[in-house]
Amino acid sequence: MWRPLPVALLLALAGCGSPAPHSIAAADYDQTCQAVVDCVPVAEGTIGCCGLESCPNAAIRQDALAGYMSDLAARTPHCTPEPPCAPPPVDCSGRVACTNGVCALLVPAASTN
């Protein structure tokens, strides 16, 4: 016989009880530009309890950054108990560019040596 799952279990399966999606994509924000000064680097991907634990891997228009930061805060799950979080990466590399009117993050190719 089929029984409905308890609400608490459903919330846990949904990701720490938060109804918001736990990911963020640069494509959801304005990426148009006229010059490189219009662009800022951001990270996109899956958001865990510790936030986005990666270096920037995309770029958006500077005036879209406030909306991105607000959405990032709203989509970060609040887990109980909070896990130990690693410090943010410090060895990120890359630079923003305005390529054909679109903000981009240019990352150097990995060394093969």
PDB file of N, CA and C in Angstrom:
ATOM      1  N   MET A   1       0.841  -1.181   0.000  1.00  0.00           N
ATOM      2  CA  MET A   1       0.000   0.000   0.000  1.00  0.00           C
ATOM      3  C   MET A   1       0.884   1.242   0.000  1.00  0.00           C
ATOM      4  N   TRP A   2       0.570   2.196  -0.834  1.00  0.00           N
ATOM      5  CA  TRP A   2       1.338   3.428  -0.945  1.00  0.00           C
ATOM      6  C   TRP A   2       0.962   4.381   0.170  1.00  0.00           C
ATOM      7  N   ARG A   3       1.976   4.981   0.808  1.00  0.00           N
ATOM      8  CA  ARG A   3       1.744   5.962   1.864  1.00  0.00           C
ATOM      9  C   ARG A   3       2.480   7.240   1.508  1.00  0.00           C
ATOM     10  N   PRO A   4       1.879   8.392   1.769  1.00  0.00           N
ATOM     11  CA  PRO A   4       2.581   9.653   1.491  1.00  0.00           C
ATOM     12  C   PRO A   4       3.763   9.812   2.438  1.00  0.00           C
ATOM     13  N   LEU A   5       4.835  10.345   1.909  1.00  0.00           N
ATOM     14  CA  LEU A   5       6.009  10.618   2.739  1.00  0.00           C
ATOM     15  C   LEU A   5       5.707  11.750   3.710  1.00  0.00           C
ATOM     16  N   PRO A   6       6.246  11.676   4.909  1.00  0.00           N
ATOM     17  CA  PRO A   6       6.063  12.783   5.846  1.00  0.00           C
ATOM     18  C   PRO A   6       6.656  14.073   5.270  1.00  0.00           C
ATOM     19  N   VAL A   7       6.049  15.172   5.605  1.00  0.00           N
ATOM     20  CA  VAL A   7       6.480  16.476   5.098  1.00  0.00           C
ATOM     21  C   VAL A   7       7.945  16.738   5.419  1.00  0.00           C
ATOM     22  N   ALA A   8       8.403  16.409   6.601  1.00  0.00           N
ATOM     23  CA  ALA A   8       9.804  16.653   6.979  1.00  0.00           C
ATOM     24  C   ALA A   8      10.754  15.910   6.054  1.00  0.00           C
ATOM     25  N   LEU A   9      10.413  14.677   5.691  1.00  0.00           N
ATOM     26  CA  LEU A   9      11.266  13.915   4.790  1.00  0.00           C
ATOM     27  C   LEU A   9      11.283  14.547   3.408  1.00  0.00           C
ATOM     28  N   LEU A  10      10.142  14.994   2.923  1.00  0.00           N
ATOM     29  CA  LEU A  10      10.092  15.669   1.631  1.00  0.00           C
ATOM     30  C   LEU A  10      10.948  16.931   1.623  1.00  0.00           C
ATOM     31  N   LEU A  11      10.892  17.692   2.698  1.00  0.00           N
ATOM     32  CA  LEU A  11      11.710  18.908   2.775  1.00  0.00           C
ATOM     33  C   LEU A  11      13.188  18.565   2.792  1.00  0.00           C
ATOM     34  N   ALA A  12      13.556  17.518   3.494  1.00  0.00           N
ATOM     35  CA  ALA A  12      14.959  17.112   3.538  1.00  0.00           C
ATOM     36  C   ALA A  12      15.425  16.670   2.156  1.00  0.00           C
ATOM     37  N   LEU A  13      14.591  15.942   1.446  1.00  0.00           N
ATOM     38  CA  LEU A  13      14.951  15.504   0.108  1.00  0.00           C
ATOM     39  C   LEU A  13      15.048  16.672  -0.860  1.00  0.00           C
ATOM     40  N   ALA A  14      14.329  17.736  -0.597  1.00  0.00           N
ATOM     41  CA  ALA A  14      14.359  18.911  -1.466  1.00  0.00           C
ATOM     42  C   ALA A  14      15.622  19.727  -1.272  1.00  0.00           C
ATOM     43  N   GLY A  15      16.414  19.459  -0.256  1.00  0.00           N
ATOM     44  CA  GLY A  15      17.669  20.174  -0.095  1.00  0.00           C
ATOM     45  C   GLY A  15      17.644  21.103   1.083  1.00  0.00           C
ATOM     46  N   CYS A  16      17.767  20.569   2.259  1.00  0.00           N
ATOM     47  CA  CYS A  16      17.876  21.354   3.491  1.00  0.00           C
ATOM     48  C   CYS A  16      16.650  22.203   3.767  1.00  0.00           C
ATOM     49  N   GLY A  17      15.507  21.845   3.245  1.00  0.00           N
ATOM     50  CA  GLY A  17      14.274  22.512   3.582  1.00  0.00           C
ATOM     51  C   GLY A  17      13.996  23.799   2.829  1.00  0.00           C
ATOM     52  N   SER A  18      14.815  24.182   1.887  1.00  0.00           N
ATOM     53  CA  SER A  18      14.597  25.426   1.158  1.00  0.00           C
ATOM     54  C   SER A  18      13.900  25.153  -0.169  1.00  0.00           C
ATOM     55  N   PRO A  19      12.832  25.894  -0.493  1.00  0.00           N
ATOM     56  CA  PRO A  19      12.134  25.658  -1.747  1.00  0.00           C
ATOM     57  C   PRO A  19      12.843  26.275  -2.956  1.00  0.00           C
ATOM     58  N   ALA A  20      13.837  27.117  -2.743  1.00  0.00           N
ATOM     59  CA  ALA A  20      14.530  27.797  -3.841  1.00  0.00           C
ATOM     60  C   ALA A  20      15.456  26.827  -4.575  1.00  0.00           C
ATOM     61  N   PRO A  21      15.699  27.052  -5.865  1.00  0.00           N
ATOM     62  CA  PRO A  21      16.655  26.207  -6.579  1.00  0.00           C
ATOM     63  C   PRO A  21      18.053  26.410  -5.998  1.00  0.00           C
ATOM     64  N   HIS A  22      18.840  25.354  -5.988  1.00  0.00           N
ATOM     65  CA  HIS A  22      20.184  25.432  -5.425  1.00  0.00           C
ATOM     66  C   HIS A  22      21.236  25.520  -6.517  1.00  0.00           C
ATOM     67  N   SER A  23      21.005  26.381  -7.483  1.00  0.00           N
ATOM     68  CA  SER A  23      21.987  26.621  -8.536  1.00  0.00           C
ATOM     69  C   SER A  23      21.799  28.042  -9.050  1.00  0.00           C
ATOM     70  N   ILE A  24      22.831  28.511  -9.733  1.00  0.00           N
ATOM     71  CA  ILE A  24      22.775  29.850 -10.298  1.00  0.00           C
ATOM     72  C   ILE A  24      23.549  29.834 -11.613  1.00  0.00           C
ATOM     73  N   ALA A  25      23.048  30.559 -12.602  1.00  0.00           N
ATOM     74  CA  ALA A  25      23.661  30.589 -13.932  1.00  0.00           C
ATOM     75  C   ALA A  25      23.814  32.028 -14.407  1.00  0.00           C
ATOM     76  N   ALA A  26      24.979  32.334 -14.938  1.00  0.00           N
ATOM     77  CA  ALA A  26      25.247  33.673 -15.451  1.00  0.00           C
ATOM     78  C   ALA A  26      24.269  34.046 -16.568  1.00  0.00           C
ATOM     79  N   ALA A  27      23.826  33.063 -17.325  1.00  0.00           N
ATOM     80  CA  ALA A  27      22.904  33.318 -18.444  1.00  0.00           C
ATOM     81  C   ALA A  27      21.573  33.904 -17.979  1.00  0.00           C
ATOM     82  N   ASP A  28      21.260  33.794 -16.689  1.00  0.00           N
ATOM     83  CA  ASP A  28      20.023  34.350 -16.159  1.00  0.00           C
ATOM     84  C   ASP A  28      20.125  35.846 -15.867  1.00  0.00           C
ATOM     85  N   TYR A  29      21.280  36.437 -16.104  1.00  0.00           N
ATOM     86  CA  TYR A  29      21.532  37.849 -15.802  1.00  0.00           C
ATOM     87  C   TYR A  29      22.034  38.533 -17.062  1.00  0.00           C
ATOM     88  N   ASP A  30      21.885  39.850 -17.098  1.00  0.00           N
ATOM     89  CA  ASP A  30      22.318  40.620 -18.258  1.00  0.00           C
ATOM     90  C   ASP A  30      23.819  40.448 -18.450  1.00  0.00           C
ATOM     91  N   GLN A  31      24.216  40.047 -19.637  1.00  0.00           N
ATOM     92  CA  GLN A  31      25.630  39.864 -19.956  1.00  0.00           C
ATOM     93  C   GLN A  31      26.080  40.771 -21.096  1.00  0.00           C
ATOM     94  N   THR A  32      25.216  41.720 -21.491  1.00  0.00           N
ATOM     95  CA  THR A  32      25.591  42.604 -22.588  1.00  0.00           C
ATOM     96  C   THR A  32      26.617  43.626 -22.116  1.00  0.00           C
ATOM     97  N   CYS A  33      27.478  44.046 -23.037  1.00  0.00           N
ATOM     98  CA  CYS A  33      28.510  45.027 -22.691  1.00  0.00           C
ATOM     99  C   CYS A  33      28.916  45.809 -23.927  1.00  0.00           C
ATOM    100  N   GLN A  34      29.494  46.974 -23.654  1.00  0.00           N
ATOM    101  CA  GLN A  34      30.104  47.773 -24.709  1.00  0.00           C
ATOM    102  C   GLN A  34      31.612  47.834 -24.522  1.00  0.00           C
ATOM    103  N   ALA A  35      32.054  47.624 -23.276  1.00  0.00           N
ATOM    104  CA  ALA A  35      33.484  47.636 -22.947  1.00  0.00           C
ATOM    105  C   ALA A  35      33.711  46.712 -21.763  1.00  0.00           C
ATOM    106  N   VAL A  36      34.952  46.323 -21.547  1.00  0.00           N
ATOM    107  CA  VAL A  36      35.293  45.389 -20.480  1.00  0.00           C
ATOM    108  C   VAL A  36      34.900  45.930 -19.101  1.00  0.00           C
ATOM    109  N   VAL A  37      34.863  47.248 -18.914  1.00  0.00           N
ATOM    110  CA  VAL A  37      34.492  47.818 -17.610  1.00  0.00           C
ATOM    111  C   VAL A  37      33.035  47.543 -17.259  1.00  0.00           C
ATOM    112  N   ASP A  38      32.242  47.102 -18.230  1.00  0.00           N
ATOM    113  CA  ASP A  38      30.840  46.773 -17.969  1.00  0.00           C
ATOM    114  C   ASP A  38      30.689  45.398 -17.306  1.00  0.00           C
ATOM    115  N   CYS A  39      31.756  44.607 -17.242  1.00  0.00           N
ATOM    116  CA  CYS A  39      31.673  43.201 -16.846  1.00  0.00           C
ATOM    117  C   CYS A  39      32.346  42.914 -15.504  1.00  0.00           C
ATOM    118  N   VAL A  40      31.802  41.940 -14.769  1.00  0.00           N
ATOM    119  CA  VAL A  40      32.390  41.467 -13.508  1.00  0.00           C
ATOM    120  C   VAL A  40      32.371  39.938 -13.504  1.00  0.00           C
ATOM    121  N   PRO A  41      33.380  39.318 -12.875  1.00  0.00           N
ATOM    122  CA  PRO A  41      33.395  37.852 -12.803  1.00  0.00           C
ATOM    123  C   PRO A  41      32.434  37.337 -11.744  1.00  0.00           C
ATOM    124  N   VAL A  42      31.800  36.191 -12.006  1.00  0.00           N
ATOM    125  CA  VAL A  42      30.914  35.525 -11.061  1.00  0.00           C
ATOM    126  C   VAL A  42      31.123  34.015 -11.179  1.00  0.00           C
ATOM    127  N   ALA A  43      30.688  33.310 -10.166  1.00  0.00           N
ATOM    128  CA  ALA A  43      30.707  31.846 -10.212  1.00  0.00           C
ATOM    129  C   ALA A  43      29.301  31.363 -10.513  1.00  0.00           C
ATOM    130  N   GLU A  44      29.202  30.294 -11.272  1.00  0.00           N
ATOM    131  CA  GLU A  44      27.910  29.682 -11.531  1.00  0.00           C
ATOM    132  C   GLU A  44      28.014  28.187 -11.279  1.00  0.00           C
ATOM    133  N   GLY A  45      26.882  27.590 -10.970  1.00  0.00           N
ATOM    134  CA  GLY A  45      26.846  26.158 -10.720  1.00  0.00           C
ATOM    135  C   GLY A  45      25.942  25.838  -9.543  1.00  0.00           C
ATOM    136  N   THR A  46      26.162  24.663  -8.968  1.00  0.00           N
ATOM    137  CA  THR A  46      25.365  24.193  -7.837  1.00  0.00           C
ATOM    138  C   THR A  46      25.812  24.880  -6.557  1.00  0.00           C
ATOM    139  N   ILE A  47      24.847  25.303  -5.760  1.00  0.00           N
ATOM    140  CA  ILE A  47      25.123  26.008  -4.505  1.00  0.00           C
ATOM    141  C   ILE A  47      24.919  25.032  -3.358  1.00  0.00           C
ATOM    142  N   GLY A  48      25.956  24.819  -2.558  1.00  0.00           N
ATOM    143  CA  GLY A  48      25.858  23.939  -1.405  1.00  0.00           C
ATOM    144  C   GLY A  48      25.647  24.747  -0.135  1.00  0.00           C
ATOM    145  N   CYS A  49      25.667  24.070   0.989  1.00  0.00           N
ATOM    146  CA  CYS A  49      25.472  24.738   2.277  1.00  0.00           C
ATOM    147  C   CYS A  49      26.530  25.807   2.536  1.00  0.00           C
ATOM    148  N   CYS A  50      27.689  25.658   1.926  1.00  0.00           N
ATOM    149  CA  CYS A  50      28.774  26.629   2.105  1.00  0.00           C
ATOM    150  C   CYS A  50      28.794  27.656   0.971  1.00  0.00           C
ATOM    151  N   GLY A  51      27.775  27.668   0.150  1.00  0.00           N
ATOM    152  CA  GLY A  51      27.717  28.598  -0.974  1.00  0.00           C
ATOM    153  C   GLY A  51      28.368  27.982  -2.195  1.00  0.00           C
ATOM    154  N   LEU A  52      28.796  28.826  -3.118  1.00  0.00           N
ATOM    155  CA  LEU A  52      29.515  28.359  -4.299  1.00  0.00           C
ATOM    156  C   LEU A  52      30.973  28.207  -3.912  1.00  0.00           C
ATOM    157  N   GLU A  53      31.464  27.015  -3.944  1.00  0.00           N
ATOM    158  CA  GLU A  53      32.832  26.755  -3.517  1.00  0.00           C
ATOM    159  C   GLU A  53      33.757  26.648  -4.722  1.00  0.00           C
ATOM    160  N   SER A  54      33.715  27.656  -5.586  1.00  0.00           N
ATOM    161  CA  SER A  54      34.551  27.619  -6.775  1.00  0.00           C
ATOM    162  C   SER A  54      35.004  29.023  -7.139  1.00  0.00           C
ATOM    163  N   CYS A  55      35.985  29.060  -8.001  1.00  0.00           N
ATOM    164  CA  CYS A  55      36.447  30.329  -8.548  1.00  0.00           C
ATOM    165  C   CYS A  55      35.410  30.841  -9.544  1.00  0.00           C
ATOM    166  N   PRO A  56      35.431  32.133  -9.835  1.00  0.00           N
ATOM    167  CA  PRO A  56      34.545  32.627 -10.889  1.00  0.00           C
ATOM    168  C   PRO A  56      34.779  31.831 -12.176  1.00  0.00           C
ATOM    169  N   ASN A  57      33.691  31.533 -12.867  1.00  0.00           N
ATOM    170  CA  ASN A  57      33.787  30.781 -14.114  1.00  0.00           C
ATOM    171  C   ASN A  57      32.902  31.374 -15.211  1.00  0.00           C
ATOM    172  N   ALA A  58      32.420  32.601 -14.973  1.00  0.00           N
ATOM    173  CA  ALA A  58      31.565  33.288 -15.942  1.00  0.00           C
ATOM    174  C   ALA A  58      31.627  34.784 -15.646  1.00  0.00           C
ATOM    175  N   ALA A  59      30.943  35.576 -16.448  1.00  0.00           N
ATOM    176  CA  ALA A  59      30.902  37.021 -16.227  1.00  0.00           C
ATOM    177  C   ALA A  59      29.516  37.549 -16.570  1.00  0.00           C
ATOM    178  N   ILE A  60      29.112  38.596 -15.856  1.00  0.00           N
ATOM    179  CA  ILE A  60      27.834  39.263 -16.110  1.00  0.00           C
ATOM    180  C   ILE A  60      28.068  40.761 -16.157  1.00  0.00           C
ATOM    181  N   ARG A  61      27.055  41.488 -16.569  1.00  0.00           N
ATOM    182  CA  ARG A  61      27.126  42.948 -16.602  1.00  0.00           C
ATOM    183  C   ARG A  61      27.186  43.466 -15.164  1.00  0.00           C
ATOM    184  N   GLN A  62      28.008  44.475 -14.934  1.00  0.00           N
ATOM    185  CA  GLN A  62      28.233  45.000 -13.587  1.00  0.00           C
ATOM    186  C   GLN A  62      26.950  45.431 -12.901  1.00  0.00           C
ATOM    187  N   ASP A  63      26.029  46.057 -13.634  1.00  0.00           N
ATOM    188  CA  ASP A  63      24.803  46.520 -12.977  1.00  0.00           C
ATOM    189  C   ASP A  63      23.805  45.383 -12.711  1.00  0.00           C
ATOM    190  N   ALA A  64      24.126  44.147 -13.116  1.00  0.00           N
ATOM    191  CA  ALA A  64      23.308  42.982 -12.773  1.00  0.00           C
ATOM    192  C   ALA A  64      23.843  42.274 -11.526  1.00  0.00           C
ATOM    193  N   LEU A  65      24.981  42.732 -11.003  1.00  0.00           N
ATOM    194  CA  LEU A  65      25.620  42.052  -9.877  1.00  0.00           C
ATOM    195  C   LEU A  65      24.765  42.057  -8.611  1.00  0.00           C
ATOM    196  N   ALA A  66      24.068  43.134  -8.328  1.00  0.00           N
ATOM    197  CA  ALA A  66      23.232  43.189  -7.118  1.00  0.00           C
ATOM    198  C   ALA A  66      22.149  42.115  -7.156  1.00  0.00           C
ATOM    199  N   GLY A  67      21.506  41.923  -8.291  1.00  0.00           N
ATOM    200  CA  GLY A  67      20.488  40.887  -8.432  1.00  0.00           C
ATOM    201  C   GLY A  67      21.089  39.492  -8.305  1.00  0.00           C
ATOM    202  N   TYR A  68      22.260  39.294  -8.890  1.00  0.00           N
ATOM    203  CA  TYR A  68      22.966  38.014  -8.779  1.00  0.00           C
ATOM    204  C   TYR A  68      23.275  37.711  -7.312  1.00  0.00           C
ATOM    205  N   MET A  69      23.821  38.680  -6.587  1.00  0.00           N
ATOM    206  CA  MET A  69      24.177  38.472  -5.179  1.00  0.00           C
ATOM    207  C   MET A  69      22.939  38.185  -4.329  1.00  0.00           C
ATOM    208  N   SER A  70      21.852  38.880  -4.605  1.00  0.00           N
ATOM    209  CA  SER A  70      20.600  38.652  -3.881  1.00  0.00           C
ATOM    210  C   SER A  70      20.083  37.238  -4.140  1.00  0.00           C
ATOM    211  N   ASP A  71      20.092  36.816  -5.408  1.00  0.00           N
ATOM    212  CA  ASP A  71      19.643  35.471  -5.755  1.00  0.00           C
ATOM    213  C   ASP A  71      20.562  34.411  -5.149  1.00  0.00           C
ATOM    214  N   LEU A  72      21.861  34.654  -5.159  1.00  0.00           N
ATOM    215  CA  LEU A  72      22.810  33.716  -4.572  1.00  0.00           C
ATOM    216  C   LEU A  72      22.515  33.514  -3.085  1.00  0.00           C
ATOM    217  N   ALA A  73      22.273  34.607  -2.375  1.00  0.00           N
ATOM    218  CA  ALA A  73      21.960  34.516  -0.945  1.00  0.00           C
ATOM    219  C   ALA A  73      20.643  33.761  -0.720  1.00  0.00           C
ATOM    220  N   ALA A  74      19.651  34.031  -1.548  1.00  0.00           N
ATOM    221  CA  ALA A  74      18.349  33.389  -1.391  1.00  0.00           C
ATOM    222  C   ALA A  74      18.390  31.904  -1.738  1.00  0.00           C
ATOM    223  N   ARG A  75      19.275  31.512  -2.633  1.00  0.00           N
ATOM    224  CA  ARG A  75      19.340  30.118  -3.089  1.00  0.00           C
ATOM    225  C   ARG A  75      20.319  29.258  -2.294  1.00  0.00           C
ATOM    226  N   THR A  76      21.119  29.866  -1.425  1.00  0.00           N
ATOM    227  CA  THR A  76      22.053  29.083  -0.620  1.00  0.00           C
ATOM    228  C   THR A  76      21.272  28.355   0.458  1.00  0.00           C
ATOM    229  N   PRO A  77      21.334  27.019   0.465  1.00  0.00           N
ATOM    230  CA  PRO A  77      20.564  26.273   1.466  1.00  0.00           C
ATOM    231  C   PRO A  77      21.093  26.531   2.878  1.00  0.00           C
ATOM    232  N   HIS A  78      20.191  26.484   3.835  1.00  0.00           N
ATOM    233  CA  HIS A  78      20.556  26.643   5.247  1.00  0.00           C
ATOM    234  C   HIS A  78      20.469  25.266   5.873  1.00  0.00           C
ATOM    235  N   CYS A  79      21.613  24.644   6.071  1.00  0.00           N
ATOM    236  CA  CYS A  79      21.660  23.267   6.559  1.00  0.00           C
ATOM    237  C   CYS A  79      21.906  23.239   8.059  1.00  0.00           C
ATOM    238  N   THR A  80      21.232  22.290   8.713  1.00  0.00           N
ATOM    239  CA  THR A  80      21.383  22.122  10.151  1.00  0.00           C
ATOM    240  C   THR A  80      21.732  20.670  10.414  1.00  0.00           C
ATOM    241  N   PRO A  81      22.852  20.408  11.036  1.00  0.00           N
ATOM    242  CA  PRO A  81      23.860  21.372  11.457  1.00  0.00           C
ATOM    243  C   PRO A  81      24.673  21.836  10.251  1.00  0.00           C
ATOM    244  N   GLU A  82      25.239  23.019  10.377  1.00  0.00           N
ATOM    245  CA  GLU A  82      26.066  23.539   9.291  1.00  0.00           C
ATOM    246  C   GLU A  82      27.350  22.733   9.199  1.00  0.00           C
ATOM    247  N   PRO A  83      27.733  22.346   7.980  1.00  0.00           N
ATOM    248  CA  PRO A  83      28.971  21.585   7.829  1.00  0.00           C
ATOM    249  C   PRO A  83      30.180  22.509   7.946  1.00  0.00           C
ATOM    250  N   PRO A  84      31.355  21.940   8.208  1.00  0.00           N
ATOM    251  CA  PRO A  84      32.542  22.787   8.171  1.00  0.00           C
ATOM    252  C   PRO A  84      32.793  23.211   6.724  1.00  0.00           C
ATOM    253  N   CYS A  85      33.023  24.479   6.511  1.00  0.00           N
ATOM    254  CA  CYS A  85      33.224  24.997   5.156  1.00  0.00           C
ATOM    255  C   CYS A  85      34.700  25.313   4.930  1.00  0.00           C
ATOM    256  N   ALA A  86      35.177  24.949   3.755  1.00  0.00           N
ATOM    257  CA  ALA A  86      36.557  25.253   3.382  1.00  0.00           C
ATOM    258  C   ALA A  86      36.671  26.748   3.089  1.00  0.00           C
ATOM    259  N   PRO A  87      37.847  27.317   3.300  1.00  0.00           N
ATOM    260  CA  PRO A  87      38.011  28.724   2.938  1.00  0.00           C
ATOM    261  C   PRO A  87      37.842  28.889   1.423  1.00  0.00           C
ATOM    262  N   PRO A  88      37.419  30.060   0.970  1.00  0.00           N
ATOM    263  CA  PRO A  88      37.250  30.264  -0.469  1.00  0.00           C
ATOM    264  C   PRO A  88      38.587  30.117  -1.192  1.00  0.00           C
ATOM    265  N   PRO A  89      38.555  29.660  -2.442  1.00  0.00           N
ATOM    266  CA  PRO A  89      39.807  29.506  -3.185  1.00  0.00           C
ATOM    267  C   PRO A  89      40.501  30.853  -3.369  1.00  0.00           C
ATOM    268  N   VAL A  90      41.817  30.829  -3.320  1.00  0.00           N
ATOM    269  CA  VAL A  90      42.579  32.075  -3.478  1.00  0.00           C
ATOM    270  C   VAL A  90      43.438  32.065  -4.737  1.00  0.00           C
ATOM    271  N   ASP A  91      43.519  30.928  -5.401  1.00  0.00           N
ATOM    272  CA  ASP A  91      44.388  30.832  -6.570  1.00  0.00           C
ATOM    273  C   ASP A  91      43.604  30.863  -7.882  1.00  0.00           C
ATOM    274  N   CYS A  92      42.568  31.681  -7.935  1.00  0.00           N
ATOM    275  CA  CYS A  92      41.755  31.808  -9.142  1.00  0.00           C
ATOM    276  C   CYS A  92      42.506  32.632 -10.177  1.00  0.00           C
ATOM    277  N   SER A  93      42.301  32.298 -11.430  1.00  0.00           N
ATOM    278  CA  SER A  93      42.920  33.078 -12.493  1.00  0.00           C
ATOM    279  C   SER A  93      41.893  33.301 -13.590  1.00  0.00           C
ATOM    280  N   GLY A  94      42.149  34.266 -14.416  1.00  0.00           N
ATOM    281  CA  GLY A  94      41.250  34.611 -15.504  1.00  0.00           C
ATOM    282  C   GLY A  94      41.011  36.101 -15.517  1.00  0.00           C
ATOM    283  N   ARG A  95      40.421  36.560 -16.587  1.00  0.00           N
ATOM    284  CA  ARG A  95      40.093  37.981 -16.690  1.00  0.00           C
ATOM    285  C   ARG A  95      38.799  38.138 -17.456  1.00  0.00           C
ATOM    286  N   VAL A  96      38.072  39.195 -17.104  1.00  0.00           N
ATOM    287  CA  VAL A  96      36.823  39.453 -17.814  1.00  0.00           C
ATOM    288  C   VAL A  96      37.128  40.103 -19.155  1.00  0.00           C
ATOM    289  N   ALA A  97      36.206  39.904 -20.085  1.00  0.00           N
ATOM    290  CA  ALA A  97      36.335  40.489 -21.411  1.00  0.00           C
ATOM    291  C   ALA A  97      34.946  40.818 -21.929  1.00  0.00           C
ATOM    292  N   CYS A  98      34.888  41.744 -22.834  1.00  0.00           N
ATOM    293  CA  CYS A  98      33.662  42.054 -23.559  1.00  0.00           C
ATOM    294  C   CYS A  98      33.915  41.596 -24.992  1.00  0.00           C
ATOM    295  N   THR A  99      33.335  40.457 -25.339  1.00  0.00           N
ATOM    296  CA  THR A  99      33.579  39.846 -26.634  1.00  0.00           C
ATOM    297  C   THR A  99      32.306  39.870 -27.463  1.00  0.00           C
ATOM    298  N   ASN A 100      32.336  40.623 -28.545  1.00  0.00           N
ATOM    299  CA  ASN A 100      31.173  40.755 -29.425  1.00  0.00           C
ATOM    300  C   ASN A 100      29.928  41.191 -28.666  1.00  0.00           C
ATOM    301  N   GLY A 101      30.107  42.103 -27.686  1.00  0.00           N
ATOM    302  CA  GLY A 101      28.982  42.646 -26.947  1.00  0.00           C
ATOM    303  C   GLY A 101      28.467  41.783 -25.820  1.00  0.00           C
ATOM    304  N   VAL A 102      29.234  40.736 -25.438  1.00  0.00           N
ATOM    305  CA  VAL A 102      28.816  39.829 -24.365  1.00  0.00           C
ATOM    306  C   VAL A 102      29.957  39.676 -23.361  1.00  0.00           C
ATOM    307  N   CYS A 103      29.631  39.815 -22.065  1.00  0.00           N
ATOM    308  CA  CYS A 103      30.630  39.617 -21.015  1.00  0.00           C
ATOM    309  C   CYS A 103      31.061  38.152 -20.990  1.00  0.00           C
ATOM    310  N   ALA A 104      32.361  37.937 -20.816  1.00  0.00           N
ATOM    311  CA  ALA A 104      32.906  36.582 -20.753  1.00  0.00           C
ATOM    312  C   ALA A 104      34.057  36.562 -19.770  1.00  0.00           C
ATOM    313  N   LEU A 105      34.371  35.387 -19.273  1.00  0.00           N
ATOM    314  CA  LEU A 105      35.541  35.209 -18.424  1.00  0.00           C
ATOM    315  C   LEU A 105      36.533  34.369 -19.203  1.00  0.00           C
ATOM    316  N   LEU A 106      37.694  34.944 -19.444  1.00  0.00           N
ATOM    317  CA  LEU A 106      38.743  34.239 -20.172  1.00  0.00           C
ATOM    318  C   LEU A 106      39.665  33.598 -19.152  1.00  0.00           C
ATOM    319  N   VAL A 107      39.812  32.294 -19.234  1.00  0.00           N
ATOM    320  CA  VAL A 107      40.642  31.543 -18.306  1.00  0.00           C
ATOM    321  C   VAL A 107      41.811  30.961 -19.080  1.00  0.00           C
ATOM    322  N   PRO A 108      43.025  31.129 -18.551  1.00  0.00           N
ATOM    323  CA  PRO A 108      44.181  30.566 -19.272  1.00  0.00           C
ATOM    324  C   PRO A 108      44.088  29.050 -19.374  1.00  0.00           C
ATOM    325  N   ALA A 109      44.616  28.514 -20.456  1.00  0.00           N
ATOM    326  CA  ALA A 109      44.625  27.060 -20.639  1.00  0.00           C
ATOM    327  C   ALA A 109      45.520  26.418 -19.588  1.00  0.00           C
ATOM    328  N   ALA A 110      45.152  25.227 -19.154  1.00  0.00           N
ATOM    329  CA  ALA A 110      45.953  24.501 -18.155  1.00  0.00           C
ATOM    330  C   ALA A 110      47.283  24.081 -18.774  1.00  0.00           C
ATOM    331  N   SER A 111      48.310  24.106 -17.984  1.00  0.00           N
ATOM    332  CA  SER A 111      49.632  23.703 -18.429  1.00  0.00           C
ATOM    333  C   SER A 111      49.666  22.187 -18.613  1.00  0.00           C
ATOM    334  N   THR A 112      50.359  21.738 -19.640  1.00  0.00           N
ATOM    335  CA  THR A 112      50.479  20.292 -19.882  1.00  0.00           C
ATOM    336  C   THR A 112      51.816  19.767 -19.371  1.00  0.00           C
ATOM    337  N   ASN A 113      52.622  20.603 -18.753  1.00  0.00           N
ATOM    338  CA  ASN A 113      53.929  20.145 -18.240  1.00  0.00           C
ATOM    339  C   ASN A 113      53.780  19.509 -16.894  1.00  0.00           C
TER     340      ASN A 113
END
